[in-house]
Amino acid sequence: MRRIIRWVIAIIVTATIAVQFVPVDRSNPPVSRDVGAAPAVASILRRSCYDCHSNETAWPWYSYVAPVSWLVARDVHEGREHLNFSTWDAYSPEQQAKLIREAIEEVESGEMPMSIYLITHRNAALSNSDLATLRAWANAAARSEGGRSGDGDDD
């Protein structure tokens, strides 16, 4: 019986080591153009959204340890597919306004930031003040050109 247990442990250890060599795409493609929102909005987005919704992901240590690395890479890939602040200029003004509105809805419903993300990134949690700032940005985007209003470039 001990021999079987040793073999099982050896197989588990070997498999755990072997999966570390399975490649995971942790690339950060070039940023074509940032959102260009007001500094207060940009700060909130960077703190709470950019790790999954931009090409400026700060890959944490656990994103290098399989199988967690696979989950993190998948979440980032899916996040970038849905909304990527680093390719903001590729969206039409209408798409930008829609994406901002949808993002606000996700935050209000508690879906974003993801609860699993908040475990290791507590500073990404959004306060009521943060949410009010994002709502004001969404309202301005709906009235203007998709989020560029109030970007501070008018002075």
C-alpha atoms as a PDB file:
ATOM      1  CA  MET A   1       0.000   0.000   0.000  1.00  0.00           C
ATOM      2  CA  ARG A   2       2.827   2.415   0.830  1.00  0.00           C
ATOM      3  CA  ARG A   3       4.357   1.727  -2.536  1.00  0.00           C
ATOM      4  CA  ILE A   4       1.144   2.742  -4.300  1.00  0.00           C
ATOM      5  CA  ILE A   5       0.920   5.934  -2.249  1.00  0.00           C
ATOM      6  CA  ARG A   6       4.524   6.809  -3.147  1.00  0.00           C
ATOM      7  CA  TRP A   7       3.806   6.244  -6.826  1.00  0.00           C
ATOM      8  CA  VAL A   8       0.700   8.389  -6.684  1.00  0.00           C
ATOM      9  CA  ILE A   9       2.616  11.179  -4.928  1.00  0.00           C
ATOM     10  CA  ALA A  10       5.459  10.914  -7.452  1.00  0.00           C
ATOM     11  CA  ILE A  11       3.014  11.141 -10.348  1.00  0.00           C
ATOM     12  CA  ILE A  12       1.249  14.157  -8.829  1.00  0.00           C
ATOM     13  CA  VAL A  13       4.548  15.958  -8.177  1.00  0.00           C
ATOM     14  CA  THR A  14       5.816  15.179 -11.676  1.00  0.00           C
ATOM     15  CA  ALA A  15       2.561  16.339 -13.272  1.00  0.00           C
ATOM     16  CA  THR A  16       2.594  19.534 -11.203  1.00  0.00           C
ATOM     17  CA  ILE A  17       6.128  20.306 -12.347  1.00  0.00           C
ATOM     18  CA  ALA A  18       5.369  19.366 -15.958  1.00  0.00           C
ATOM     19  CA  VAL A  19       2.366  21.688 -16.277  1.00  0.00           C
ATOM     20  CA  GLN A  20       4.580  24.629 -15.347  1.00  0.00           C
ATOM     21  CA  PHE A  21       6.141  24.300 -18.800  1.00  0.00           C
ATOM     22  CA  VAL A  22       2.841  24.708 -20.658  1.00  0.00           C
ATOM     23  CA  PRO A  23       3.129  28.155 -22.267  1.00  0.00           C
ATOM     24  CA  VAL A  24       0.669  30.897 -21.378  1.00  0.00           C
ATOM     25  CA  ASP A  25       0.268  34.109 -23.357  1.00  0.00           C
ATOM     26  CA  ARG A  26       1.042  36.933 -20.952  1.00  0.00           C
ATOM     27  CA  SER A  27       1.840  39.473 -23.618  1.00  0.00           C
ATOM     28  CA  ASN A  28       0.967  43.134 -23.450  1.00  0.00           C
ATOM     29  CA  PRO A  29       0.427  44.315 -27.042  1.00  0.00           C
ATOM     30  CA  PRO A  30       1.217  47.938 -27.894  1.00  0.00           C
ATOM     31  CA  VAL A  31      -1.165  50.639 -26.738  1.00  0.00           C
ATOM     32  CA  SER A  32      -2.615  52.429 -29.760  1.00  0.00           C
ATOM     33  CA  ARG A  33      -4.272  55.181 -27.761  1.00  0.00           C
ATOM     34  CA  ASP A  34      -5.400  55.511 -24.204  1.00  0.00           C
ATOM     35  CA  VAL A  35      -8.900  56.511 -23.156  1.00  0.00           C
ATOM     36  CA  GLY A  36      -7.948  60.140 -22.688  1.00  0.00           C
ATOM     37  CA  ALA A  37     -10.417  60.612 -19.846  1.00  0.00           C
ATOM     38  CA  ALA A  38     -10.100  63.163 -17.061  1.00  0.00           C
ATOM     39  CA  PRO A  39      -7.346  62.333 -14.539  1.00  0.00           C
ATOM     40  CA  ALA A  40      -9.849  61.277 -11.856  1.00  0.00           C
ATOM     41  CA  VAL A  41     -11.535  58.844 -14.253  1.00  0.00           C
ATOM     42  CA  ALA A  42      -8.232  57.582 -15.662  1.00  0.00           C
ATOM     43  CA  SER A  43      -6.967  56.898 -12.143  1.00  0.00           C
ATOM     44  CA  ILE A  44     -10.034  54.813 -11.289  1.00  0.00           C
ATOM     45  CA  LEU A  45      -9.810  52.886 -14.563  1.00  0.00           C
ATOM     46  CA  ARG A  46      -6.102  52.165 -14.078  1.00  0.00           C
ATOM     47  CA  ARG A  47      -6.615  50.998 -10.510  1.00  0.00           C
ATOM     48  CA  SER A  48      -9.720  48.898 -11.046  1.00  0.00           C
ATOM     49  CA  CYS A  49      -9.961  47.944 -14.721  1.00  0.00           C
ATOM     50  CA  TYR A  50      -6.668  48.044 -16.597  1.00  0.00           C
ATOM     51  CA  ASP A  51      -5.256  44.692 -15.465  1.00  0.00           C
ATOM     52  CA  CYS A  52      -7.954  42.887 -17.460  1.00  0.00           C
ATOM     53  CA  HIS A  53      -9.233  45.553 -19.840  1.00  0.00           C
ATOM     54  CA  SER A  54      -6.067  47.035 -21.337  1.00  0.00           C
ATOM     55  CA  ASN A  55      -2.742  46.061 -22.873  1.00  0.00           C
ATOM     56  CA  GLU A  56      -1.035  47.296 -19.705  1.00  0.00           C
ATOM     57  CA  THR A  57      -1.681  44.261 -17.522  1.00  0.00           C
ATOM     58  CA  ALA A  58       0.527  43.979 -14.446  1.00  0.00           C
ATOM     59  CA  TRP A  59       0.964  40.209 -14.374  1.00  0.00           C
ATOM     60  CA  PRO A  60       1.104  39.088 -10.702  1.00  0.00           C
ATOM     61  CA  TRP A  61       3.375  36.311  -9.472  1.00  0.00           C
ATOM     62  CA  TYR A  62       0.563  33.748  -9.474  1.00  0.00           C
ATOM     63  CA  SER A  63       0.002  34.319 -13.194  1.00  0.00           C
ATOM     64  CA  TYR A  64       3.239  32.376 -13.663  1.00  0.00           C
ATOM     65  CA  VAL A  65       2.086  29.292 -11.730  1.00  0.00           C
ATOM     66  CA  ALA A  66      -0.050  26.710 -13.535  1.00  0.00           C
ATOM     67  CA  PRO A  67      -2.930  26.000 -13.445  1.00  0.00           C
ATOM     68  CA  VAL A  68      -3.794  29.427 -11.998  1.00  0.00           C
ATOM     69  CA  SER A  69      -1.820  31.053 -14.835  1.00  0.00           C
ATOM     70  CA  TRP A  70      -4.235  29.548 -17.351  1.00  0.00           C
ATOM     71  CA  LEU A  71      -7.229  31.045 -15.555  1.00  0.00           C
ATOM     72  CA  VAL A  72      -5.643  34.485 -15.221  1.00  0.00           C
ATOM     73  CA  ALA A  73      -4.584  34.538 -18.882  1.00  0.00           C
ATOM     74  CA  ARG A  74      -8.081  33.461 -19.956  1.00  0.00           C
ATOM     75  CA  ASP A  75      -9.733  36.171 -17.849  1.00  0.00           C
ATOM     76  CA  VAL A  76      -7.418  38.853 -19.267  1.00  0.00           C
ATOM     77  CA  HIS A  77      -7.942  37.623 -22.837  1.00  0.00           C
ATOM     78  CA  GLU A  78     -11.732  37.663 -22.408  1.00  0.00           C
ATOM     79  CA  GLY A  79     -11.610  41.056 -20.695  1.00  0.00           C
ATOM     80  CA  ARG A  80      -9.600  42.560 -23.548  1.00  0.00           C
ATOM     81  CA  GLU A  81     -11.969  41.066 -26.115  1.00  0.00           C
ATOM     82  CA  HIS A  82     -14.981  42.661 -24.464  1.00  0.00           C
ATOM     83  CA  LEU A  83     -13.436  46.053 -23.651  1.00  0.00           C
ATOM     84  CA  ASN A  84      -9.855  47.189 -24.213  1.00  0.00           C
ATOM     85  CA  PHE A  85      -8.985  50.692 -23.053  1.00  0.00           C
ATOM     86  CA  SER A  86      -5.637  50.448 -24.890  1.00  0.00           C
ATOM     87  CA  THR A  87      -7.371  50.308 -28.255  1.00  0.00           C
ATOM     88  CA  TRP A  88      -9.982  52.901 -27.371  1.00  0.00           C
ATOM     89  CA  ASP A  89      -9.523  54.782 -30.648  1.00  0.00           C
ATOM     90  CA  ALA A  90     -10.585  51.672 -32.598  1.00  0.00           C
ATOM     91  CA  TYR A  91     -14.111  52.051 -31.223  1.00  0.00           C
ATOM     92  CA  SER A  92     -16.552  54.493 -32.784  1.00  0.00           C
ATOM     93  CA  PRO A  93     -17.874  57.247 -30.488  1.00  0.00           C
ATOM     94  CA  GLU A  94     -21.158  55.345 -30.285  1.00  0.00           C
ATOM     95  CA  GLN A  95     -19.357  52.124 -29.338  1.00  0.00           C
ATOM     96  CA  GLN A  96     -17.316  54.006 -26.734  1.00  0.00           C
ATOM     97  CA  ALA A  97     -20.446  55.434 -25.128  1.00  0.00           C
ATOM     98  CA  LYS A  98     -22.094  51.996 -25.177  1.00  0.00           C
ATOM     99  CA  LEU A  99     -19.029  50.302 -23.656  1.00  0.00           C
ATOM    100  CA  ILE A 100     -18.836  52.909 -20.904  1.00  0.00           C
ATOM    101  CA  ARG A 101     -22.541  52.460 -20.141  1.00  0.00           C
ATOM    102  CA  GLU A 102     -22.172  48.657 -20.067  1.00  0.00           C
ATOM    103  CA  ALA A 103     -19.127  48.919 -17.802  1.00  0.00           C
ATOM    104  CA  ILE A 104     -21.079  51.071 -15.346  1.00  0.00           C
ATOM    105  CA  GLU A 105     -23.905  48.508 -15.363  1.00  0.00           C
ATOM    106  CA  GLU A 106     -21.410  45.709 -14.633  1.00  0.00           C
ATOM    107  CA  VAL A 107     -19.986  47.676 -11.704  1.00  0.00           C
ATOM    108  CA  GLU A 108     -23.427  48.555 -10.338  1.00  0.00           C
ATOM    109  CA  SER A 109     -24.523  44.918 -10.482  1.00  0.00           C
ATOM    110  CA  GLY A 110     -21.386  43.840  -8.599  1.00  0.00           C
ATOM    111  CA  GLU A 111     -20.005  41.811 -11.492  1.00  0.00           C
ATOM    112  CA  MET A 112     -16.968  44.057 -11.924  1.00  0.00           C
ATOM    113  CA  PRO A 113     -14.337  44.116 -10.679  1.00  0.00           C
ATOM    114  CA  MET A 114     -14.561  40.346 -10.356  1.00  0.00           C
ATOM    115  CA  SER A 115     -14.715  39.161  -6.751  1.00  0.00           C
ATOM    116  CA  ILE A 116     -11.847  36.719  -7.330  1.00  0.00           C
ATOM    117  CA  TYR A 117      -9.715  39.638  -8.541  1.00  0.00           C
ATOM    118  CA  LEU A 118     -10.559  41.710  -5.479  1.00  0.00           C
ATOM    119  CA  ILE A 119      -9.128  39.021  -3.182  1.00  0.00           C
ATOM    120  CA  THR A 120      -5.591  39.943  -4.214  1.00  0.00           C
ATOM    121  CA  HIS A 121      -6.282  43.493  -5.418  1.00  0.00           C
ATOM    122  CA  ARG A 122      -8.281  45.102  -2.629  1.00  0.00           C
ATOM    123  CA  ASN A 123      -7.416  48.586  -3.860  1.00  0.00           C
ATOM    124  CA  ALA A 124      -9.388  47.823  -7.037  1.00  0.00           C
ATOM    125  CA  ALA A 125     -12.690  47.897  -5.154  1.00  0.00           C
ATOM    126  CA  LEU A 126     -14.798  50.844  -6.212  1.00  0.00           C
ATOM    127  CA  SER A 127     -16.165  53.263  -3.646  1.00  0.00           C
ATOM    128  CA  ASN A 128     -19.449  55.130  -4.024  1.00  0.00           C
ATOM    129  CA  SER A 129     -17.394  58.194  -4.927  1.00  0.00           C
ATOM    130  CA  ASP A 130     -15.555  56.239  -7.646  1.00  0.00           C
ATOM    131  CA  LEU A 131     -18.853  55.016  -9.018  1.00  0.00           C
ATOM    132  CA  ALA A 132     -20.264  58.561  -9.051  1.00  0.00           C
ATOM    133  CA  THR A 133     -17.188  59.746 -10.972  1.00  0.00           C
ATOM    134  CA  LEU A 134     -17.614  56.940 -13.511  1.00  0.00           C
ATOM    135  CA  ARG A 135     -21.334  57.678 -13.856  1.00  0.00           C
ATOM    136  CA  ALA A 136     -20.585  61.335 -14.579  1.00  0.00           C
ATOM    137  CA  TRP A 137     -18.065  60.219 -17.217  1.00  0.00           C
ATOM    138  CA  ALA A 138     -20.654  57.862 -18.741  1.00  0.00           C
ATOM    139  CA  ASN A 139     -23.241  60.639 -18.859  1.00  0.00           C
ATOM    140  CA  ALA A 140     -20.758  63.010 -20.492  1.00  0.00           C
ATOM    141  CA  ALA A 141     -19.806  60.309 -23.006  1.00  0.00           C
ATOM    142  CA  ALA A 142     -23.439  59.754 -23.885  1.00  0.00           C
ATOM    143  CA  ARG A 143     -23.822  63.476 -24.596  1.00  0.00           C
ATOM    144  CA  SER A 144     -20.562  63.883 -26.495  1.00  0.00           C
ATOM    145  CA  GLU A 145     -18.131  61.766 -28.421  1.00  0.00           C
ATOM    146  CA  GLY A 146     -17.677  58.563 -26.427  1.00  0.00           C
ATOM    147  CA  GLY A 147     -15.689  59.515 -23.379  1.00  0.00           C
ATOM    148  CA  ARG A 148     -13.398  62.252 -24.626  1.00  0.00           C
ATOM    149  CA  SER A 149     -15.369  65.026 -22.934  1.00  0.00           C
ATOM    150  CA  GLY A 150     -13.809  66.318 -19.790  1.00  0.00           C
ATOM    151  CA  ASP A 151     -10.424  64.913 -20.698  1.00  0.00           C
ATOM    152  CA  GLY A 152      -8.608  68.029 -19.631  1.00  0.00           C
ATOM    153  CA  ASP A 153      -7.186  68.730 -23.092  1.00  0.00           C
ATOM    154  CA  ASP A 154      -9.388  71.764 -23.639  1.00  0.00           C
ATOM    155  CA  ASP A 155      -7.180  74.221 -21.736  1.00  0.00           C
END
